[in-house]
Amino acid sequence: MNVSGAVAVSVPRLLYALRTKKGMLMNDNDEMVAHLKCDVELNFTGPIPALVNKRAAAVLRSLADRLEKDEFEDGFHPVADENGNKVGEIYVDYSEGTDL
């Protein structure tokens, strides 16, 4: 059996990295806050769902680490697995505003 699928992700670790990005998190007093739009699309195939899930999880952990290290500029970026094979892309867009 061959399993494939697209994964659009919002995981707690990614959310933490996004919330603390650039030190711009503010409060409810209409102060400037950083906004981050982040879309992730990943495509995997494999013999069983467990292996596909394991590969996806490894790539998502890697993306979260890269976000925490501030490695992304605005725009689209290719995403590769641990073997260097392209498995999707991530879109990152930073902006500032007064609403959450």
N, C-alpha and C. Protein backbone atom coordinates (compact mmCIF):
# COMPACT_ATOMS: atom_id res chain seq x y z
N MET A 1 0.85 -1.18 0.00
CA MET A 1 0.00 0.00 0.00
C MET A 1 0.89 1.24 0.00
N ASN A 2 0.58 2.19 -0.82
CA ASN A 2 1.34 3.44 -0.91
C ASN A 2 0.47 4.56 -0.36
N VAL A 3 1.00 5.34 0.57
CA VAL A 3 0.24 6.39 1.21
C VAL A 3 0.85 7.73 0.85
N SER A 4 0.03 8.67 0.48
CA SER A 4 0.54 10.01 0.20
C SER A 4 -0.44 11.02 0.76
N GLY A 5 0.03 12.23 0.96
CA GLY A 5 -0.85 13.27 1.46
C GLY A 5 -0.12 14.57 1.65
N ALA A 6 -0.89 15.64 1.71
CA ALA A 6 -0.33 16.97 2.00
C ALA A 6 -0.59 17.26 3.46
N VAL A 7 0.35 17.90 4.09
CA VAL A 7 0.22 18.22 5.50
C VAL A 7 0.33 19.73 5.66
N ALA A 8 -0.72 20.37 6.16
CA ALA A 8 -0.65 21.78 6.54
C ALA A 8 -0.64 21.78 8.05
N VAL A 9 0.36 22.38 8.66
CA VAL A 9 0.61 22.12 10.06
C VAL A 9 0.59 23.36 10.94
N SER A 10 0.07 23.15 12.12
CA SER A 10 0.18 24.12 13.21
C SER A 10 0.41 23.29 14.46
N VAL A 11 1.66 23.16 14.86
CA VAL A 11 2.00 22.36 16.02
C VAL A 11 2.45 23.27 17.15
N PRO A 12 2.27 22.84 18.41
CA PRO A 12 2.66 23.70 19.54
C PRO A 12 4.08 24.23 19.45
N ARG A 13 5.02 23.42 19.02
CA ARG A 13 6.41 23.89 18.93
C ARG A 13 6.55 24.98 17.88
N LEU A 14 5.89 24.82 16.75
CA LEU A 14 5.90 25.85 15.73
C LEU A 14 5.25 27.11 16.25
N LEU A 15 4.13 26.96 16.95
CA LEU A 15 3.44 28.13 17.48
C LEU A 15 4.32 28.89 18.46
N TYR A 16 5.04 28.17 19.31
CA TYR A 16 5.93 28.84 20.25
C TYR A 16 6.99 29.64 19.50
N ALA A 17 7.57 29.02 18.50
CA ALA A 17 8.59 29.72 17.72
C ALA A 17 8.01 30.94 17.05
N LEU A 18 6.79 30.84 16.57
CA LEU A 18 6.17 31.96 15.87
C LEU A 18 5.82 33.09 16.84
N ARG A 19 5.31 32.74 18.02
CA ARG A 19 4.90 33.76 18.99
C ARG A 19 6.06 34.58 19.51
N THR A 20 7.23 33.99 19.60
CA THR A 20 8.37 34.69 20.16
C THR A 20 9.29 35.27 19.10
N LYS A 21 8.94 35.12 17.84
CA LYS A 21 9.76 35.58 16.73
C LYS A 21 10.05 37.08 16.83
N LYS A 22 11.30 37.45 16.70
CA LYS A 22 11.77 38.83 16.66
C LYS A 22 11.46 39.61 17.94
N GLY A 23 11.07 38.94 19.03
CA GLY A 23 10.81 39.61 20.29
C GLY A 23 9.70 40.64 20.22
N MET A 24 8.73 40.47 19.35
CA MET A 24 7.71 41.48 19.12
C MET A 24 6.37 41.18 19.79
N LEU A 25 6.29 40.16 20.63
CA LEU A 25 5.03 39.87 21.28
C LEU A 25 4.69 41.00 22.25
N MET A 26 3.50 41.56 22.13
CA MET A 26 3.08 42.65 23.01
C MET A 26 1.80 42.26 23.73
N ASN A 27 1.15 43.23 24.36
CA ASN A 27 0.00 42.93 25.19
C ASN A 27 -1.29 43.49 24.62
N ASP A 28 -2.31 43.64 25.49
CA ASP A 28 -3.64 44.09 25.07
C ASP A 28 -3.78 45.62 25.04
N ASN A 29 -2.71 46.37 25.17
CA ASN A 29 -2.78 47.84 25.25
C ASN A 29 -2.58 48.51 23.91
N ASP A 30 -2.96 47.89 22.82
CA ASP A 30 -2.81 48.44 21.48
C ASP A 30 -1.38 48.81 21.14
N GLU A 31 -0.44 48.11 21.71
CA GLU A 31 0.96 48.32 21.35
C GLU A 31 1.28 47.46 20.12
N MET A 32 2.36 47.79 19.47
CA MET A 32 2.75 47.05 18.27
C MET A 32 3.01 45.58 18.60
N VAL A 33 2.53 44.73 17.74
CA VAL A 33 2.78 43.30 17.88
C VAL A 33 3.26 42.78 16.53
N ALA A 34 4.06 41.75 16.58
CA ALA A 34 4.52 41.11 15.36
C ALA A 34 3.45 40.12 14.92
N HIS A 35 3.23 40.06 13.63
CA HIS A 35 2.31 39.09 13.04
C HIS A 35 3.13 38.18 12.15
N LEU A 36 2.83 36.92 12.19
CA LEU A 36 3.52 35.97 11.33
C LEU A 36 2.50 35.06 10.68
N LYS A 37 2.50 35.05 9.37
CA LYS A 37 1.71 34.08 8.62
C LYS A 37 2.69 33.01 8.17
N CYS A 38 2.38 31.78 8.51
CA CYS A 38 3.27 30.68 8.17
C CYS A 38 2.44 29.52 7.64
N ASP A 39 2.68 29.16 6.39
CA ASP A 39 2.00 28.03 5.77
C ASP A 39 3.04 26.98 5.43
N VAL A 40 2.71 25.75 5.76
CA VAL A 40 3.61 24.63 5.48
C VAL A 40 2.84 23.61 4.66
N GLU A 41 3.41 23.21 3.54
CA GLU A 41 2.82 22.14 2.75
C GLU A 41 3.88 21.09 2.52
N LEU A 42 3.58 19.87 2.95
CA LEU A 42 4.51 18.76 2.82
C LEU A 42 3.81 17.60 2.11
N ASN A 43 4.55 16.88 1.30
CA ASN A 43 4.01 15.72 0.60
C ASN A 43 4.96 14.54 0.78
N PHE A 44 4.41 13.43 1.27
CA PHE A 44 5.21 12.23 1.50
C PHE A 44 4.51 11.03 0.91
N THR A 45 5.29 10.04 0.53
CA THR A 45 4.76 8.73 0.16
C THR A 45 5.55 7.68 0.92
N GLY A 46 4.92 6.54 1.13
CA GLY A 46 5.59 5.46 1.83
C GLY A 46 4.74 4.22 1.86
N PRO A 47 5.32 3.13 2.30
CA PRO A 47 4.61 1.86 2.28
C PRO A 47 3.49 1.76 3.31
N ILE A 48 3.64 2.45 4.46
CA ILE A 48 2.61 2.40 5.50
C ILE A 48 2.49 3.78 6.14
N PRO A 49 1.30 4.07 6.68
CA PRO A 49 1.09 5.39 7.30
C PRO A 49 2.08 5.71 8.41
N ALA A 50 2.49 4.73 9.20
CA ALA A 50 3.41 5.00 10.31
C ALA A 50 4.74 5.57 9.82
N LEU A 51 5.24 5.07 8.70
CA LEU A 51 6.51 5.59 8.17
C LEU A 51 6.33 6.99 7.58
N VAL A 52 5.22 7.22 6.92
CA VAL A 52 4.93 8.55 6.38
C VAL A 52 4.83 9.55 7.53
N ASN A 53 4.13 9.18 8.58
CA ASN A 53 3.98 10.06 9.75
C ASN A 53 5.33 10.36 10.41
N LYS A 54 6.17 9.34 10.50
CA LYS A 54 7.49 9.53 11.12
C LYS A 54 8.33 10.51 10.31
N ARG A 55 8.31 10.38 9.00
CA ARG A 55 9.07 11.31 8.15
C ARG A 55 8.53 12.73 8.28
N ALA A 56 7.20 12.87 8.28
CA ALA A 56 6.59 14.20 8.40
C ALA A 56 6.96 14.83 9.73
N ALA A 57 6.89 14.06 10.80
CA ALA A 57 7.22 14.59 12.13
C ALA A 57 8.68 15.07 12.20
N ALA A 58 9.58 14.31 11.60
CA ALA A 58 11.00 14.70 11.61
C ALA A 58 11.20 16.02 10.86
N VAL A 59 10.55 16.19 9.73
CA VAL A 59 10.68 17.43 8.95
C VAL A 59 10.06 18.59 9.72
N LEU A 60 8.92 18.38 10.37
CA LEU A 60 8.28 19.45 11.15
C LEU A 60 9.15 19.87 12.33
N ARG A 61 9.79 18.92 13.00
CA ARG A 61 10.70 19.28 14.10
C ARG A 61 11.85 20.13 13.58
N SER A 62 12.37 19.76 12.41
CA SER A 62 13.46 20.53 11.80
C SER A 62 13.01 21.96 11.47
N LEU A 63 11.81 22.10 10.93
CA LEU A 63 11.29 23.44 10.62
C LEU A 63 11.13 24.27 11.87
N ALA A 64 10.62 23.66 12.94
CA ALA A 64 10.46 24.39 14.20
C ALA A 64 11.80 24.88 14.73
N ASP A 65 12.82 24.03 14.66
CA ASP A 65 14.16 24.44 15.09
C ASP A 65 14.68 25.60 14.26
N ARG A 66 14.46 25.55 12.95
CA ARG A 66 14.92 26.63 12.07
C ARG A 66 14.19 27.93 12.35
N LEU A 67 12.89 27.86 12.65
CA LEU A 67 12.14 29.07 13.01
C LEU A 67 12.68 29.69 14.29
N GLU A 68 12.95 28.85 15.27
CA GLU A 68 13.50 29.35 16.53
C GLU A 68 14.85 30.01 16.34
N LYS A 69 15.61 29.56 15.36
CA LYS A 69 16.94 30.12 15.08
C LYS A 69 16.88 31.30 14.11
N ASP A 70 15.66 31.73 13.73
CA ASP A 70 15.47 32.88 12.86
C ASP A 70 16.13 32.69 11.49
N GLU A 71 15.96 31.52 10.90
CA GLU A 71 16.60 31.20 9.63
C GLU A 71 15.76 31.54 8.41
N PHE A 72 14.54 32.02 8.58
CA PHE A 72 13.68 32.30 7.44
C PHE A 72 13.44 33.79 7.25
N GLU A 73 13.56 34.25 6.02
CA GLU A 73 13.14 35.58 5.62
C GLU A 73 11.73 35.46 5.06
N ASP A 74 11.09 36.59 4.80
CA ASP A 74 9.77 36.56 4.17
C ASP A 74 9.84 35.83 2.84
N GLY A 75 8.80 35.07 2.55
CA GLY A 75 8.69 34.42 1.25
C GLY A 75 8.60 32.91 1.35
N PHE A 76 8.67 32.29 0.18
CA PHE A 76 8.60 30.83 0.06
C PHE A 76 9.99 30.23 0.17
N HIS A 77 10.08 29.08 0.83
CA HIS A 77 11.35 28.37 0.99
C HIS A 77 11.10 26.88 0.77
N PRO A 78 11.96 26.22 -0.01
CA PRO A 78 11.80 24.78 -0.18
C PRO A 78 12.08 24.05 1.13
N VAL A 79 11.44 22.92 1.30
CA VAL A 79 11.64 22.08 2.49
C VAL A 79 12.15 20.72 2.01
N ALA A 80 13.23 20.25 2.63
CA ALA A 80 13.81 18.96 2.27
C ALA A 80 13.79 18.03 3.48
N ASP A 81 13.79 16.74 3.20
CA ASP A 81 13.88 15.76 4.29
C ASP A 81 15.34 15.56 4.68
N GLU A 82 15.59 14.61 5.58
CA GLU A 82 16.94 14.39 6.09
C GLU A 82 17.90 13.89 5.01
N ASN A 83 17.36 13.40 3.88
CA ASN A 83 18.21 12.94 2.77
C ASN A 83 18.40 14.01 1.70
N GLY A 84 17.84 15.19 1.92
CA GLY A 84 17.98 16.27 0.95
C GLY A 84 16.94 16.27 -0.15
N ASN A 85 15.96 15.37 -0.06
CA ASN A 85 14.89 15.32 -1.07
C ASN A 85 13.83 16.37 -0.77
N LYS A 86 13.43 17.13 -1.79
CA LYS A 86 12.41 18.14 -1.60
C LYS A 86 11.07 17.46 -1.28
N VAL A 87 10.45 17.90 -0.17
CA VAL A 87 9.17 17.32 0.25
C VAL A 87 8.08 18.37 0.36
N GLY A 88 8.39 19.62 0.07
CA GLY A 88 7.37 20.65 0.15
C GLY A 88 7.97 22.03 0.24
N GLU A 89 7.18 22.94 0.83
CA GLU A 89 7.66 24.31 1.00
C GLU A 89 7.01 24.95 2.22
N ILE A 90 7.66 26.00 2.70
CA ILE A 90 7.14 26.79 3.80
C ILE A 90 7.07 28.24 3.33
N TYR A 91 5.98 28.90 3.69
CA TYR A 91 5.81 30.32 3.38
C TYR A 91 5.82 31.08 4.70
N VAL A 92 6.64 32.12 4.77
CA VAL A 92 6.78 32.93 5.97
C VAL A 92 6.57 34.38 5.60
N ASP A 93 5.70 35.07 6.35
CA ASP A 93 5.43 36.49 6.10
C ASP A 93 5.31 37.20 7.44
N TYR A 94 6.28 38.07 7.73
CA TYR A 94 6.28 38.85 8.97
C TYR A 94 5.71 40.24 8.70
N SER A 95 4.92 40.73 9.65
CA SER A 95 4.44 42.10 9.58
C SER A 95 4.20 42.58 11.00
N GLU A 96 3.88 43.87 11.15
CA GLU A 96 3.60 44.44 12.46
C GLU A 96 2.25 45.13 12.41
N GLY A 97 1.61 45.19 13.55
CA GLY A 97 0.33 45.86 13.65
C GLY A 97 -0.08 46.01 15.10
N THR A 98 -1.29 46.49 15.31
CA THR A 98 -1.76 46.69 16.68
C THR A 98 -2.82 45.70 17.10
N ASP A 99 -3.30 44.89 16.16
CA ASP A 99 -4.32 43.88 16.53
C ASP A 99 -3.70 42.50 16.55
N LEU A 100 -4.31 41.60 17.29
CA LEU A 100 -3.78 40.25 17.40
C LEU A 100 -4.34 39.35 16.37
